[in-house]
C-alpha cells in the first residue's frame, strides 16, 4: 500500500482573491465562503501571497492603517485560527470606514507555500508545523491543482463510520 500524498487529501476547489480587492470585500468573501484564508493573485493571475483572518485582525487592530512590517520573513506571520470558525464571532472582523481603502496587497503575507501533489502527508504536516502555517497549495507541473489545510490533516485522525 502506498503512503497517502497531498493529491489524496487535497481540496481541488481553490478559491483565491485578487491583490487589488478591498479589505472590506475580502472580509465578506472569507465569511461567505467559510474560509480562514485564501491565496492571492495579481492582475495577471500570478500567485503573490496568502491572506488570512489573522491579517484582517491585524489590520483592524492597527486601526485600518497599513503598518510597515518586515514582510521578507514569512515566519513573522503565524496563523492561529482554526480552519472552520464561527461566523458570528467573526462579524467583528468586518472592516468598515477608513479600512475599506486598504487592499489585500496591503495586508497579505507575501509568501506562497507550495508542494508537489506527490508529497507524502507526513511531509505536509512537517512543513506546516515548521513554517507555522495552516495551508499549502498543491501543484502539478507548476500549476495549482489543490489546497491542503491543517484541518484536512486532522481529518485523517478521525475514523469515518
N, C-alpha and C. Protein backbone atom coordinates (compact mmCIF):
# COMPACT_ATOMS: atom_id res chain seq x y z
N UNK A 1 0.85 -1.18 0.00
CA UNK A 1 0.00 0.00 0.00
C UNK A 1 0.89 1.25 0.00
N UNK A 2 0.63 2.17 -0.90
CA UNK A 2 1.44 3.38 -1.00
C UNK A 2 1.01 4.39 0.06
N UNK A 3 1.95 5.22 0.50
CA UNK A 3 1.60 6.24 1.51
C UNK A 3 0.67 7.30 0.90
N UNK A 4 -0.16 7.91 1.76
CA UNK A 4 -1.03 8.99 1.32
C UNK A 4 -0.20 10.20 0.92
N UNK A 5 -0.69 10.91 -0.10
CA UNK A 5 0.01 12.10 -0.59
C UNK A 5 -0.93 13.30 -0.58
N UNK A 6 -0.39 14.44 -0.90
CA UNK A 6 -1.17 15.67 -0.99
C UNK A 6 -2.36 15.49 -1.94
N UNK A 7 -2.15 14.81 -3.05
CA UNK A 7 -3.22 14.59 -4.04
C UNK A 7 -4.39 13.84 -3.42
N UNK A 8 -4.11 12.93 -2.49
CA UNK A 8 -5.15 12.11 -1.88
C UNK A 8 -6.05 12.88 -0.92
N UNK A 9 -5.53 13.92 -0.31
CA UNK A 9 -6.32 14.62 0.72
C UNK A 9 -6.64 16.07 0.36
N UNK A 10 -6.11 16.58 -0.74
CA UNK A 10 -6.30 17.99 -1.08
C UNK A 10 -7.74 18.28 -1.48
N UNK A 11 -8.10 19.53 -1.35
CA UNK A 11 -9.36 20.05 -1.86
C UNK A 11 -9.03 20.68 -3.21
N UNK A 12 -9.65 20.17 -4.27
CA UNK A 12 -9.36 20.68 -5.61
C UNK A 12 -10.04 22.02 -5.89
N UNK A 13 -10.92 22.44 -5.00
CA UNK A 13 -11.62 23.73 -5.17
C UNK A 13 -10.82 24.81 -4.44
N UNK A 14 -9.99 25.51 -5.17
CA UNK A 14 -9.14 26.55 -4.58
C UNK A 14 -9.72 27.91 -4.93
N UNK A 15 -10.21 28.61 -3.90
CA UNK A 15 -10.73 29.95 -4.09
C UNK A 15 -9.63 30.94 -3.79
N UNK A 16 -9.36 31.83 -4.71
CA UNK A 16 -8.32 32.84 -4.49
C UNK A 16 -8.94 34.22 -4.61
N UNK A 17 -8.18 35.22 -4.17
CA UNK A 17 -8.62 36.61 -4.24
C UNK A 17 -7.56 37.42 -4.99
N UNK A 18 -7.96 38.56 -5.49
CA UNK A 18 -7.03 39.45 -6.19
C UNK A 18 -6.36 40.38 -5.20
N UNK A 19 -5.14 40.76 -5.50
CA UNK A 19 -4.39 41.65 -4.60
C UNK A 19 -4.96 43.06 -4.55
N UNK A 20 -5.77 43.44 -5.55
CA UNK A 20 -6.36 44.77 -5.56
C UNK A 20 -7.77 44.80 -4.95
N UNK A 21 -8.21 43.67 -4.38
CA UNK A 21 -9.52 43.60 -3.74
C UNK A 21 -9.50 44.45 -2.46
N UNK A 22 -10.58 45.16 -2.20
CA UNK A 22 -10.70 45.95 -0.97
C UNK A 22 -10.77 45.01 0.23
N UNK A 23 -10.17 45.43 1.34
CA UNK A 23 -10.16 44.61 2.54
C UNK A 23 -11.58 44.32 3.02
N UNK A 24 -12.48 45.29 2.90
CA UNK A 24 -13.86 45.06 3.31
C UNK A 24 -14.50 43.95 2.47
N UNK A 25 -14.19 43.91 1.17
CA UNK A 25 -14.70 42.84 0.31
C UNK A 25 -14.06 41.50 0.66
N UNK A 26 -12.79 41.53 1.04
CA UNK A 26 -12.11 40.31 1.46
C UNK A 26 -12.80 39.71 2.69
N UNK A 27 -13.10 40.55 3.67
CA UNK A 27 -13.76 40.07 4.89
C UNK A 27 -15.08 39.39 4.55
N UNK A 28 -15.86 40.01 3.69
CA UNK A 28 -17.14 39.42 3.28
C UNK A 28 -16.92 38.11 2.52
N UNK A 29 -15.92 38.07 1.63
CA UNK A 29 -15.62 36.86 0.86
C UNK A 29 -15.25 35.70 1.77
N UNK A 30 -14.37 35.95 2.74
CA UNK A 30 -13.96 34.88 3.65
C UNK A 30 -15.13 34.38 4.48
N UNK A 31 -15.95 35.29 4.98
CA UNK A 31 -17.12 34.89 5.77
C UNK A 31 -18.12 34.12 4.91
N UNK A 32 -18.42 34.64 3.74
CA UNK A 32 -19.41 34.00 2.87
C UNK A 32 -19.00 32.60 2.45
N UNK A 33 -17.70 32.38 2.30
CA UNK A 33 -17.19 31.08 1.85
C UNK A 33 -16.68 30.21 3.00
N UNK A 34 -16.85 30.70 4.24
CA UNK A 34 -16.41 29.98 5.44
C UNK A 34 -14.94 29.57 5.33
N UNK A 35 -14.11 30.54 4.94
CA UNK A 35 -12.67 30.33 4.80
C UNK A 35 -11.93 31.11 5.87
N UNK A 36 -10.77 30.60 6.25
CA UNK A 36 -9.92 31.36 7.17
C UNK A 36 -8.77 32.02 6.43
N UNK A 37 -8.65 31.76 5.14
CA UNK A 37 -7.60 32.37 4.35
C UNK A 37 -7.71 31.95 2.90
N UNK A 38 -6.95 32.63 2.05
CA UNK A 38 -7.00 32.33 0.62
C UNK A 38 -5.71 32.76 -0.06
N UNK A 39 -5.34 32.07 -1.14
CA UNK A 39 -4.20 32.52 -1.93
C UNK A 39 -4.54 33.85 -2.61
N UNK A 40 -3.51 34.64 -2.89
CA UNK A 40 -3.70 35.94 -3.51
C UNK A 40 -3.01 35.93 -4.88
N UNK A 41 -3.74 36.42 -5.89
CA UNK A 41 -3.20 36.53 -7.26
C UNK A 41 -3.18 38.00 -7.68
N UNK A 42 -2.21 38.32 -8.53
CA UNK A 42 -2.17 39.69 -9.06
C UNK A 42 -3.08 39.77 -10.28
N UNK A 43 -3.11 40.92 -10.93
CA UNK A 43 -3.98 41.15 -12.08
C UNK A 43 -3.72 40.14 -13.19
N UNK A 44 -2.47 39.70 -13.32
CA UNK A 44 -2.12 38.74 -14.36
C UNK A 44 -2.36 37.29 -13.97
N UNK A 45 -2.85 37.05 -12.76
CA UNK A 45 -3.13 35.70 -12.31
C UNK A 45 -1.98 35.00 -11.59
N UNK A 46 -0.86 35.70 -11.43
CA UNK A 46 0.29 35.12 -10.74
C UNK A 46 0.06 35.09 -9.23
N UNK A 47 0.42 33.97 -8.59
CA UNK A 47 0.33 33.89 -7.13
C UNK A 47 1.35 34.82 -6.51
N UNK A 48 0.88 35.69 -5.61
CA UNK A 48 1.77 36.67 -4.99
C UNK A 48 1.76 36.63 -3.47
N UNK A 49 0.91 35.79 -2.89
CA UNK A 49 0.86 35.73 -1.43
C UNK A 49 -0.34 34.97 -0.94
N UNK A 50 -0.56 35.10 0.36
CA UNK A 50 -1.70 34.48 1.04
C UNK A 50 -2.24 35.50 2.03
N UNK A 51 -3.55 35.51 2.18
CA UNK A 51 -4.17 36.42 3.14
C UNK A 51 -5.09 35.59 4.04
N UNK A 52 -5.16 35.97 5.31
CA UNK A 52 -5.96 35.19 6.26
C UNK A 52 -6.72 36.11 7.21
N UNK A 53 -7.55 35.48 8.03
CA UNK A 53 -8.27 36.24 9.04
C UNK A 53 -7.30 36.89 10.01
N UNK A 54 -6.16 36.28 10.22
CA UNK A 54 -5.14 36.87 11.08
C UNK A 54 -4.68 38.21 10.50
N UNK A 55 -4.50 38.26 9.19
CA UNK A 55 -4.11 39.51 8.54
C UNK A 55 -5.21 40.56 8.68
N UNK A 56 -6.48 40.12 8.54
CA UNK A 56 -7.61 41.03 8.74
C UNK A 56 -7.64 41.57 10.16
N UNK A 57 -7.46 40.67 11.11
CA UNK A 57 -7.48 41.09 12.52
C UNK A 57 -6.35 42.06 12.82
N UNK A 58 -5.18 41.78 12.26
CA UNK A 58 -4.03 42.68 12.46
C UNK A 58 -4.34 44.05 11.89
N UNK A 59 -4.97 44.08 10.72
CA UNK A 59 -5.32 45.35 10.09
C UNK A 59 -6.32 46.12 10.94
N UNK A 60 -7.32 45.40 11.47
CA UNK A 60 -8.33 46.05 12.32
C UNK A 60 -7.68 46.56 13.61
N UNK A 61 -6.76 45.78 14.17
CA UNK A 61 -6.08 46.19 15.40
C UNK A 61 -5.21 47.41 15.18
N UNK A 62 -4.70 47.55 13.95
CA UNK A 62 -3.85 48.69 13.61
C UNK A 62 -4.68 49.93 13.27
N UNK A 63 -6.00 49.82 13.40
CA UNK A 63 -6.87 50.96 13.11
C UNK A 63 -7.08 51.17 11.63
N UNK A 64 -6.89 50.13 10.83
CA UNK A 64 -7.13 50.24 9.41
C UNK A 64 -6.01 50.90 8.64
N UNK A 65 -4.90 51.12 9.29
CA UNK A 65 -3.78 51.73 8.59
C UNK A 65 -2.78 50.65 8.20
N UNK A 66 -2.21 50.79 7.04
CA UNK A 66 -1.17 49.86 6.62
C UNK A 66 0.08 50.20 7.41
N UNK A 67 0.53 49.27 8.22
CA UNK A 67 1.70 49.49 9.07
C UNK A 67 2.90 48.80 8.43
N UNK A 68 3.99 49.51 8.30
CA UNK A 68 5.19 48.93 7.68
C UNK A 68 5.72 47.81 8.56
N UNK A 69 5.89 46.64 7.98
CA UNK A 69 6.44 45.48 8.68
C UNK A 69 7.48 44.85 7.79
N UNK A 70 8.41 44.18 8.42
CA UNK A 70 9.38 43.41 7.65
C UNK A 70 8.67 42.15 7.17
N UNK A 71 8.23 42.17 5.92
CA UNK A 71 7.49 41.04 5.37
C UNK A 71 8.38 40.08 4.61
N UNK A 72 9.67 40.27 4.70
CA UNK A 72 10.57 39.39 3.96
C UNK A 72 10.69 38.03 4.61
N UNK A 73 10.36 37.93 5.89
CA UNK A 73 10.44 36.65 6.59
C UNK A 73 9.04 36.11 6.80
N UNK A 74 8.63 35.11 6.01
CA UNK A 74 7.28 34.56 6.15
C UNK A 74 7.03 34.01 7.55
N UNK A 75 8.07 33.64 8.29
CA UNK A 75 7.91 33.14 9.64
C UNK A 75 7.36 34.17 10.60
N UNK A 76 7.39 35.45 10.20
CA UNK A 76 6.84 36.52 11.03
C UNK A 76 5.34 36.31 11.25
N UNK A 77 4.70 35.69 10.25
CA UNK A 77 3.26 35.51 10.28
C UNK A 77 2.93 34.12 10.79
N UNK A 78 2.25 34.05 11.89
CA UNK A 78 1.86 32.77 12.46
C UNK A 78 0.34 32.72 12.45
N UNK A 79 -0.19 31.72 11.78
CA UNK A 79 -1.64 31.56 11.71
C UNK A 79 -2.12 30.89 12.98
N UNK A 80 -3.07 31.50 13.66
CA UNK A 80 -3.57 30.92 14.88
C UNK A 80 -5.07 30.66 14.83
N UNK A 81 -5.66 30.65 13.65
CA UNK A 81 -7.10 30.47 13.53
C UNK A 81 -7.40 29.06 13.09
N UNK A 82 -8.51 28.53 13.58
CA UNK A 82 -8.97 27.23 13.11
C UNK A 82 -9.44 27.38 11.67
N UNK A 83 -9.40 26.29 10.92
CA UNK A 83 -9.86 26.34 9.54
C UNK A 83 -11.37 26.60 9.47
N UNK A 84 -12.12 26.06 10.40
CA UNK A 84 -13.56 26.33 10.49
C UNK A 84 -13.76 27.25 11.68
N UNK A 85 -14.43 28.35 11.47
CA UNK A 85 -14.61 29.29 12.55
C UNK A 85 -16.03 29.80 12.53
N UNK A 86 -16.45 30.35 13.64
CA UNK A 86 -17.80 30.77 13.86
C UNK A 86 -18.05 32.14 13.22
N UNK A 87 -18.91 32.21 12.20
CA UNK A 87 -19.17 33.49 11.53
C UNK A 87 -19.70 34.58 12.46
N UNK A 88 -20.47 34.19 13.49
CA UNK A 88 -20.97 35.19 14.43
C UNK A 88 -19.82 35.87 15.17
N UNK A 89 -18.85 35.08 15.60
CA UNK A 89 -17.70 35.64 16.29
C UNK A 89 -16.84 36.48 15.34
N UNK A 90 -16.90 36.16 14.07
CA UNK A 90 -16.06 36.85 13.10
C UNK A 90 -16.68 38.16 12.60
N UNK A 91 -17.94 38.43 12.96
CA UNK A 91 -18.57 39.66 12.49
C UNK A 91 -17.74 40.90 12.86
N UNK A 92 -17.04 40.82 13.97
CA UNK A 92 -16.22 41.96 14.40
C UNK A 92 -15.09 42.24 13.41
N UNK A 93 -14.77 41.25 12.57
CA UNK A 93 -13.69 41.45 11.60
C UNK A 93 -14.17 42.12 10.32
N UNK A 94 -15.47 42.31 10.18
CA UNK A 94 -15.95 43.04 9.01
C UNK A 94 -15.39 44.46 9.09
N UNK A 95 -14.66 44.83 8.08
CA UNK A 95 -13.92 46.09 8.12
C UNK A 95 -14.79 47.20 7.56
N UNK A 96 -14.85 48.31 8.29
CA UNK A 96 -15.67 49.44 7.88
C UNK A 96 -14.84 50.72 7.91
N UNK A 97 -15.41 51.76 7.33
CA UNK A 97 -14.80 53.08 7.44
C UNK A 97 -13.51 53.19 6.65
N UNK A 98 -12.49 53.81 7.26
CA UNK A 98 -11.24 54.10 6.55
C UNK A 98 -10.52 52.84 6.12
N UNK A 99 -10.80 51.70 6.80
CA UNK A 99 -10.14 50.46 6.45
C UNK A 99 -10.50 50.01 5.03
N UNK A 100 -11.66 50.42 4.54
CA UNK A 100 -12.12 49.95 3.23
C UNK A 100 -11.20 50.43 2.11
N UNK A 101 -10.36 51.41 2.38
CA UNK A 101 -9.43 51.88 1.36
C UNK A 101 -8.22 50.96 1.23
N UNK A 102 -7.99 50.12 2.23
CA UNK A 102 -6.90 49.16 2.15
C UNK A 102 -7.24 48.07 1.15
N UNK A 103 -6.21 47.51 0.55
CA UNK A 103 -6.41 46.38 -0.35
C UNK A 103 -5.76 45.14 0.24
N UNK A 104 -6.05 44.01 -0.35
CA UNK A 104 -5.45 42.76 0.08
C UNK A 104 -3.92 42.87 0.03
N UNK A 105 -3.39 43.53 -0.98
CA UNK A 105 -1.94 43.69 -1.11
C UNK A 105 -1.33 44.39 0.11
N UNK A 106 -2.11 45.25 0.75
CA UNK A 106 -1.62 45.99 1.92
C UNK A 106 -1.48 45.12 3.16
N UNK A 107 -2.25 44.04 3.25
CA UNK A 107 -2.26 43.25 4.48
C UNK A 107 -1.81 41.80 4.32
N UNK A 108 -1.65 41.33 3.09
CA UNK A 108 -1.34 39.91 2.86
C UNK A 108 0.07 39.53 3.29
N UNK A 109 0.28 38.25 3.42
CA UNK A 109 1.60 37.69 3.64
C UNK A 109 2.19 37.41 2.25
N UNK A 110 3.31 38.05 1.91
CA UNK A 110 3.84 37.92 0.55
C UNK A 110 4.70 36.67 0.37
N UNK A 111 4.14 35.54 0.75
CA UNK A 111 4.85 34.27 0.58
C UNK A 111 3.81 33.21 0.24
N UNK A 112 4.17 32.32 -0.64
CA UNK A 112 3.28 31.25 -1.05
C UNK A 112 4.00 29.93 -0.81
N UNK A 113 3.38 29.08 -0.02
CA UNK A 113 3.95 27.76 0.24
C UNK A 113 3.27 26.76 -0.67
N UNK A 114 4.06 26.12 -1.53
CA UNK A 114 3.52 25.12 -2.45
C UNK A 114 4.26 23.80 -2.26
N UNK A 115 3.55 22.72 -2.61
CA UNK A 115 4.14 21.38 -2.59
C UNK A 115 3.65 20.63 -3.81
N UNK A 116 4.48 19.74 -4.36
CA UNK A 116 4.02 18.90 -5.46
C UNK A 116 2.93 17.95 -4.97
N UNK A 117 2.06 17.53 -5.88
CA UNK A 117 0.93 16.69 -5.49
C UNK A 117 1.34 15.32 -4.94
N UNK A 118 2.56 14.89 -5.22
CA UNK A 118 3.02 13.58 -4.73
C UNK A 118 3.76 13.67 -3.38
N UNK A 119 3.67 14.83 -2.71
CA UNK A 119 4.32 14.99 -1.41
C UNK A 119 3.61 14.13 -0.37
N UNK A 120 4.35 13.29 0.36
CA UNK A 120 3.72 12.47 1.39
C UNK A 120 3.08 13.32 2.49
N UNK A 121 1.98 12.81 3.04
CA UNK A 121 1.24 13.51 4.08
C UNK A 121 2.13 13.85 5.28
N UNK A 122 3.04 12.95 5.64
CA UNK A 122 3.92 13.24 6.77
C UNK A 122 4.79 14.47 6.49
N UNK A 123 5.20 14.64 5.25
CA UNK A 123 5.98 15.83 4.89
C UNK A 123 5.12 17.09 4.94
N UNK A 124 3.85 16.98 4.54
CA UNK A 124 2.94 18.13 4.61
C UNK A 124 2.84 18.62 6.05
N UNK A 125 2.62 17.67 6.96
CA UNK A 125 2.50 18.03 8.38
C UNK A 125 3.77 18.69 8.88
N UNK A 126 4.90 18.14 8.51
CA UNK A 126 6.18 18.70 8.96
C UNK A 126 6.38 20.12 8.44
N UNK A 127 6.05 20.35 7.18
CA UNK A 127 6.18 21.69 6.59
C UNK A 127 5.28 22.68 7.32
N UNK A 128 4.03 22.28 7.57
CA UNK A 128 3.09 23.18 8.25
C UNK A 128 3.56 23.51 9.66
N UNK A 129 4.03 22.50 10.38
CA UNK A 129 4.49 22.73 11.75
C UNK A 129 5.73 23.61 11.76
N UNK A 130 6.72 23.27 10.93
CA UNK A 130 7.96 24.03 10.90
C UNK A 130 7.77 25.47 10.44
N UNK A 131 6.82 25.69 9.52
CA UNK A 131 6.60 27.02 8.95
C UNK A 131 5.50 27.80 9.65
N UNK A 132 4.81 27.17 10.61
CA UNK A 132 3.72 27.81 11.34
C UNK A 132 2.63 28.31 10.40
N UNK A 133 2.20 27.42 9.49
CA UNK A 133 1.16 27.78 8.53
C UNK A 133 0.03 26.76 8.59
N UNK A 134 -1.12 27.14 8.05
CA UNK A 134 -2.30 26.27 8.10
C UNK A 134 -2.78 25.82 6.73
N UNK A 135 -2.06 26.20 5.68
CA UNK A 135 -2.48 25.75 4.35
C UNK A 135 -1.30 25.70 3.41
N UNK A 136 -1.34 24.71 2.52
CA UNK A 136 -0.32 24.55 1.48
C UNK A 136 -1.03 24.43 0.14
N UNK A 137 -0.52 25.11 -0.86
CA UNK A 137 -1.06 24.95 -2.20
C UNK A 137 -0.38 23.75 -2.86
N UNK A 138 -1.17 22.94 -3.52
CA UNK A 138 -0.68 21.72 -4.16
C UNK A 138 -0.53 21.99 -5.66
N UNK A 139 0.64 21.62 -6.20
CA UNK A 139 0.92 21.90 -7.61
C UNK A 139 1.18 20.63 -8.41
N UNK A 140 0.87 20.74 -9.70
CA UNK A 140 1.21 19.72 -10.68
C UNK A 140 1.83 20.46 -11.87
N UNK A 141 3.06 20.15 -12.16
CA UNK A 141 3.79 20.79 -13.26
C UNK A 141 3.72 22.32 -13.15
N UNK A 142 3.82 22.83 -11.92
CA UNK A 142 3.85 24.27 -11.70
C UNK A 142 2.49 24.94 -11.57
N UNK A 143 1.42 24.22 -11.86
CA UNK A 143 0.07 24.79 -11.76
C UNK A 143 -0.58 24.37 -10.45
N UNK A 144 -1.30 25.29 -9.82
CA UNK A 144 -2.02 24.98 -8.59
C UNK A 144 -3.22 24.10 -8.94
N UNK A 145 -3.30 22.93 -8.28
CA UNK A 145 -4.39 22.00 -8.53
C UNK A 145 -5.21 21.70 -7.27
N UNK A 146 -4.77 22.23 -6.13
CA UNK A 146 -5.50 21.98 -4.89
C UNK A 146 -4.89 22.71 -3.72
N UNK A 147 -5.51 22.50 -2.58
CA UNK A 147 -5.05 23.10 -1.33
C UNK A 147 -5.24 22.08 -0.22
N UNK A 148 -4.27 22.03 0.68
CA UNK A 148 -4.35 21.16 1.86
C UNK A 148 -4.28 22.06 3.09
N UNK A 149 -5.25 21.89 3.98
CA UNK A 149 -5.26 22.69 5.21
C UNK A 149 -4.91 21.80 6.40
N UNK A 150 -4.64 22.45 7.51
CA UNK A 150 -4.36 21.68 8.73
C UNK A 150 -5.59 20.86 9.12
N UNK A 151 -6.78 21.35 8.80
CA UNK A 151 -7.99 20.58 9.08
C UNK A 151 -8.04 19.31 8.24
N UNK A 152 -7.56 19.37 7.01
CA UNK A 152 -7.50 18.16 6.17
C UNK A 152 -6.61 17.11 6.82
N UNK A 153 -5.49 17.55 7.36
CA UNK A 153 -4.58 16.62 8.04
C UNK A 153 -5.22 16.05 9.30
N UNK A 154 -5.89 16.88 10.06
CA UNK A 154 -6.56 16.40 11.27
C UNK A 154 -7.66 15.40 10.92
N UNK A 155 -8.30 15.60 9.79
CA UNK A 155 -9.35 14.69 9.35
C UNK A 155 -8.87 13.26 9.17
N UNK A 156 -7.59 13.10 8.91
CA UNK A 156 -7.03 11.76 8.76
C UNK A 156 -7.02 11.00 10.08
N UNK A 157 -7.08 11.73 11.19
CA UNK A 157 -7.05 11.09 12.51
C UNK A 157 -8.43 10.64 12.97
N UNK A 158 -9.46 11.09 12.29
CA UNK A 158 -10.82 10.76 12.67
C UNK A 158 -11.29 9.56 11.87
N UNK A 159 -11.73 8.55 12.59
CA UNK A 159 -12.20 7.35 11.93
C UNK A 159 -13.61 7.59 11.40
N UNK A 160 -13.78 7.40 10.10
CA UNK A 160 -15.08 7.59 9.45
C UNK A 160 -15.88 6.30 9.61
N UNK A 161 -17.18 6.43 9.90
CA UNK A 161 -18.01 5.23 10.04
C UNK A 161 -18.86 4.98 8.83
